[in-house]
């Protein structure tokens, strides 16, 4: 599966925009894998209060189980920053 980092998320990945992993059970296990790769602070950033949201195959995870959203090989996950403005 491929994970794409968008916007200011790449500031926490040393500029990496794509991460590939063979298989993760769900978004939570993916976050654990990403924190192994990018450090524990990255997990805090991802789970911070309204910092990021996740898309799996183009759909938000809030309607598919949140952090328990199942993942399968071949899925595409996007990590997006919330955009604030007026």
Protein backbone atom coordinates (compact mmCIF):
# COMPACT_ATOMS: atom_id res chain seq x y z
CA UNK A 1 0.00 0.00 0.00
CA UNK A 2 1.11 3.55 -0.60
CA UNK A 3 0.81 6.40 1.84
CA UNK A 4 0.95 9.93 0.43
CA UNK A 5 1.83 12.89 2.66
CA UNK A 6 0.40 16.23 1.59
CA UNK A 7 0.98 19.84 2.57
CA UNK A 8 2.82 20.61 5.78
CA UNK A 9 2.73 16.93 6.79
CA UNK A 10 5.99 16.56 4.83
CA UNK A 11 7.67 18.88 7.33
CA UNK A 12 7.42 15.94 9.76
CA UNK A 13 8.66 13.31 7.26
CA UNK A 14 11.94 15.02 6.33
CA UNK A 15 10.39 15.88 3.00
CA UNK A 16 9.28 12.35 2.11
CA UNK A 17 6.01 12.46 0.19
CA UNK A 18 5.40 8.72 -0.28
CA UNK A 19 5.80 5.77 2.08
CA UNK A 20 5.18 2.17 1.03
CA UNK A 21 4.34 -0.73 3.32
CA UNK A 22 3.33 -4.30 2.56
CA UNK A 23 0.29 -4.64 4.80
CA UNK A 24 -1.34 -2.98 7.77
CA UNK A 25 -4.56 -4.11 9.43
CA UNK A 26 -6.06 -0.66 9.93
CA UNK A 27 -5.25 3.04 10.21
CA UNK A 28 -4.09 2.68 13.82
CA UNK A 29 -1.52 0.00 12.91
CA UNK A 30 -0.41 2.16 9.98
CA UNK A 31 0.14 5.09 12.35
CA UNK A 32 2.25 2.81 14.56
CA UNK A 33 4.35 1.82 11.52
CA UNK A 34 4.74 5.47 10.50
CA UNK A 35 5.86 6.42 14.00
CA UNK A 36 8.53 3.70 13.79
CA UNK A 37 9.75 5.27 10.56
CA UNK A 38 9.45 8.97 11.44
CA UNK A 39 9.66 8.94 15.26
CA UNK A 40 7.19 9.08 18.12
CA UNK A 41 6.63 12.79 17.62
CA UNK A 42 5.11 12.00 14.25
CA UNK A 43 2.43 9.87 15.92
CA UNK A 44 1.65 12.76 18.26
CA UNK A 45 1.43 15.07 15.25
CA UNK A 46 -0.92 12.73 13.35
CA UNK A 47 -3.21 12.19 16.33
CA UNK A 48 -3.04 15.79 17.53
CA UNK A 49 -6.20 17.74 18.09
CA UNK A 50 -7.54 18.34 14.59
CA UNK A 51 -4.12 18.36 12.92
CA UNK A 52 -4.60 15.81 10.14
CA UNK A 53 -7.19 13.67 8.45
CA UNK A 54 -6.89 10.47 6.45
CA UNK A 55 -8.36 9.35 3.15
CA UNK A 56 -8.39 5.69 2.13
CA UNK A 57 -8.87 5.24 -1.60
CA UNK A 58 -10.24 8.79 -1.72
CA UNK A 59 -12.77 8.45 1.12
CA UNK A 60 -12.53 9.96 4.59
CA UNK A 61 -12.18 7.47 7.43
CA UNK A 62 -14.79 9.01 9.73
CA UNK A 63 -17.57 7.05 8.04
CA UNK A 64 -15.58 3.81 7.70
CA UNK A 65 -14.45 3.16 11.26
CA UNK A 66 -12.05 5.99 12.07
CA UNK A 67 -8.73 4.61 13.25
CA UNK A 68 -10.18 1.09 12.99
CA UNK A 69 -10.80 1.54 9.24
CA UNK A 70 -9.53 -1.70 7.66
CA UNK A 71 -6.72 -1.60 5.13
CA UNK A 72 -5.74 -4.09 2.46
CA UNK A 73 -2.81 -4.45 0.05
CA UNK A 74 -3.14 -2.06 -2.86
CA UNK A 75 -4.96 0.62 -0.85
CA UNK A 76 -3.92 4.23 -1.15
CA UNK A 77 -3.85 6.32 2.03
CA UNK A 78 -3.50 10.08 2.00
CA UNK A 79 -2.51 12.04 5.08
CA UNK A 80 -3.87 15.57 4.74
CA UNK A 81 -3.48 18.61 6.97
CA UNK A 82 -6.64 20.43 7.99
CA UNK A 83 -6.76 23.79 6.30
CA UNK A 84 -7.94 26.70 8.35
CA UNK A 85 -8.92 30.03 7.04
CA UNK A 86 -11.59 32.55 6.53
